[in-house]
């Protein structure tokens, strides 16, 4: 995992630790099959772009699509449920 990727994971997990609803959503996203996760996040990113979301938000959504990021988050947060 690159330093930038590690920073994203750290930031994402910090937010999840402060908000249980975000942690639940991340568990569900990271548990998805890679192709399903990619498709779902592509739709989320498209919707965010129509609302002029900040670049860092879009970068975070893109990072969640990476298998290494999803695995690291899933390992830390545990399975959904």
C-alpha atoms as a PDB file:
ATOM      1  CA  UNK A   1       0.000   0.000   0.000  1.00  0.00           C
ATOM      2  CA  UNK A   2       1.441   3.382  -0.969  1.00  0.00           C
ATOM      3  CA  UNK A   3       1.800   6.187   1.593  1.00  0.00           C
ATOM      4  CA  UNK A   4      -1.050   8.103  -0.069  1.00  0.00           C
ATOM      5  CA  UNK A   5      -3.275   5.030   0.089  1.00  0.00           C
ATOM      6  CA  UNK A   6      -2.331   4.501   3.712  1.00  0.00           C
ATOM      7  CA  UNK A   7      -3.311   8.112   4.438  1.00  0.00           C
ATOM      8  CA  UNK A   8      -6.735   7.538   2.844  1.00  0.00           C
ATOM      9  CA  UNK A   9      -7.272   4.402   4.914  1.00  0.00           C
ATOM     10  CA  UNK A  10      -6.248   6.220   8.095  1.00  0.00           C
ATOM     11  CA  UNK A  11      -8.567   9.143   7.321  1.00  0.00           C
ATOM     12  CA  UNK A  12     -11.489   6.906   6.371  1.00  0.00           C
ATOM     13  CA  UNK A  13     -11.096   4.841   9.533  1.00  0.00           C
ATOM     14  CA  UNK A  14     -10.857   7.976  11.685  1.00  0.00           C
ATOM     15  CA  UNK A  15     -14.216   9.142  10.336  1.00  0.00           C
ATOM     16  CA  UNK A  16     -15.714   5.675  10.828  1.00  0.00           C
ATOM     17  CA  UNK A  17     -14.586   5.655  14.456  1.00  0.00           C
ATOM     18  CA  UNK A  18     -16.494   8.897  15.081  1.00  0.00           C
ATOM     19  CA  UNK A  19     -19.698   7.919  13.260  1.00  0.00           C
ATOM     20  CA  UNK A  20     -21.229   4.453  13.607  1.00  0.00           C
ATOM     21  CA  UNK A  21     -23.471   4.936  10.555  1.00  0.00           C
ATOM     22  CA  UNK A  22     -20.430   5.559   8.370  1.00  0.00           C
ATOM     23  CA  UNK A  23     -18.708   2.513   9.846  1.00  0.00           C
ATOM     24  CA  UNK A  24     -21.758   0.369   8.983  1.00  0.00           C
ATOM     25  CA  UNK A  25     -21.849   1.697   5.423  1.00  0.00           C
ATOM     26  CA  UNK A  26     -18.113   1.092   4.980  1.00  0.00           C
ATOM     27  CA  UNK A  27     -18.454  -2.490   6.248  1.00  0.00           C
ATOM     28  CA  UNK A  28     -21.148  -3.141   3.645  1.00  0.00           C
ATOM     29  CA  UNK A  29     -19.203  -1.517   0.799  1.00  0.00           C
ATOM     30  CA  UNK A  30     -15.929  -3.242   1.622  1.00  0.00           C
ATOM     31  CA  UNK A  31     -17.648  -6.636   1.889  1.00  0.00           C
ATOM     32  CA  UNK A  32     -18.983  -6.436  -1.671  1.00  0.00           C
ATOM     33  CA  UNK A  33     -17.461  -8.450  -4.490  1.00  0.00           C
ATOM     34  CA  UNK A  34     -14.819  -6.333  -6.256  1.00  0.00           C
ATOM     35  CA  UNK A  35     -16.841  -5.888  -9.467  1.00  0.00           C
ATOM     36  CA  UNK A  36     -20.030  -5.039  -7.589  1.00  0.00           C
ATOM     37  CA  UNK A  37     -18.158  -2.572  -5.361  1.00  0.00           C
ATOM     38  CA  UNK A  38     -16.588  -0.911  -8.409  1.00  0.00           C
ATOM     39  CA  UNK A  39     -19.972  -0.522 -10.112  1.00  0.00           C
ATOM     40  CA  UNK A  40     -21.663   0.820  -6.993  1.00  0.00           C
ATOM     41  CA  UNK A  41     -18.889   3.317  -6.329  1.00  0.00           C
ATOM     42  CA  UNK A  42     -18.917   4.445  -9.970  1.00  0.00           C
ATOM     43  CA  UNK A  43     -22.597   5.336  -9.533  1.00  0.00           C
ATOM     44  CA  UNK A  44     -21.870   7.145  -6.264  1.00  0.00           C
ATOM     45  CA  UNK A  45     -19.032   9.096  -7.898  1.00  0.00           C
ATOM     46  CA  UNK A  46     -21.217  10.042 -10.864  1.00  0.00           C
ATOM     47  CA  UNK A  47     -23.912  11.346  -8.528  1.00  0.00           C
ATOM     48  CA  UNK A  48     -21.353  13.289  -6.486  1.00  0.00           C
ATOM     49  CA  UNK A  49     -19.924  14.891  -9.639  1.00  0.00           C
ATOM     50  CA  UNK A  50     -23.394  16.181 -10.570  1.00  0.00           C
ATOM     51  CA  UNK A  51     -23.450  17.915  -7.193  1.00  0.00           C
ATOM     52  CA  UNK A  52     -19.966  19.409  -7.616  1.00  0.00           C
ATOM     53  CA  UNK A  53     -18.504  17.400  -4.741  1.00  0.00           C
ATOM     54  CA  UNK A  54     -15.062  18.375  -3.542  1.00  0.00           C
ATOM     55  CA  UNK A  55     -12.110  16.659  -5.184  1.00  0.00           C
ATOM     56  CA  UNK A  56     -11.058  15.007  -1.928  1.00  0.00           C
ATOM     57  CA  UNK A  57     -14.496  13.416  -1.565  1.00  0.00           C
ATOM     58  CA  UNK A  58     -14.249  11.984  -5.079  1.00  0.00           C
ATOM     59  CA  UNK A  59     -10.716  10.772  -4.360  1.00  0.00           C
ATOM     60  CA  UNK A  60     -11.986   9.010  -1.244  1.00  0.00           C
ATOM     61  CA  UNK A  61     -14.736   7.261  -3.214  1.00  0.00           C
ATOM     62  CA  UNK A  62     -12.157   6.240  -5.805  1.00  0.00           C
ATOM     63  CA  UNK A  63      -9.852   4.911  -3.081  1.00  0.00           C
ATOM     64  CA  UNK A  64     -12.680   2.740  -1.714  1.00  0.00           C
ATOM     65  CA  UNK A  65     -12.765   1.028  -5.100  1.00  0.00           C
ATOM     66  CA  UNK A  66      -9.211  -0.199  -4.671  1.00  0.00           C
ATOM     67  CA  UNK A  67      -8.987  -3.772  -3.468  1.00  0.00           C
ATOM     68  CA  UNK A  68      -6.108  -3.073  -1.064  1.00  0.00           C
ATOM     69  CA  UNK A  69      -7.988  -0.179   0.526  1.00  0.00           C
ATOM     70  CA  UNK A  70     -11.225  -2.153   0.850  1.00  0.00           C
ATOM     71  CA  UNK A  71      -9.381  -5.084   2.404  1.00  0.00           C
ATOM     72  CA  UNK A  72      -7.539  -2.870   4.887  1.00  0.00           C
ATOM     73  CA  UNK A  73     -10.771  -1.182   5.959  1.00  0.00           C
ATOM     74  CA  UNK A  74     -12.640  -4.490   6.182  1.00  0.00           C
ATOM     75  CA  UNK A  75      -9.849  -5.970   8.287  1.00  0.00           C
ATOM     76  CA  UNK A  76     -10.044  -3.077  10.724  1.00  0.00           C
ATOM     77  CA  UNK A  77     -13.840  -2.694  10.900  1.00  0.00           C
ATOM     78  CA  UNK A  78     -14.782  -6.346  10.672  1.00  0.00           C
ATOM     79  CA  UNK A  79     -17.625  -7.952   8.721  1.00  0.00           C
ATOM     80  CA  UNK A  80     -21.037  -6.354   8.210  1.00  0.00           C
ATOM     81  CA  UNK A  81     -23.868  -7.330  10.444  1.00  0.00           C
END
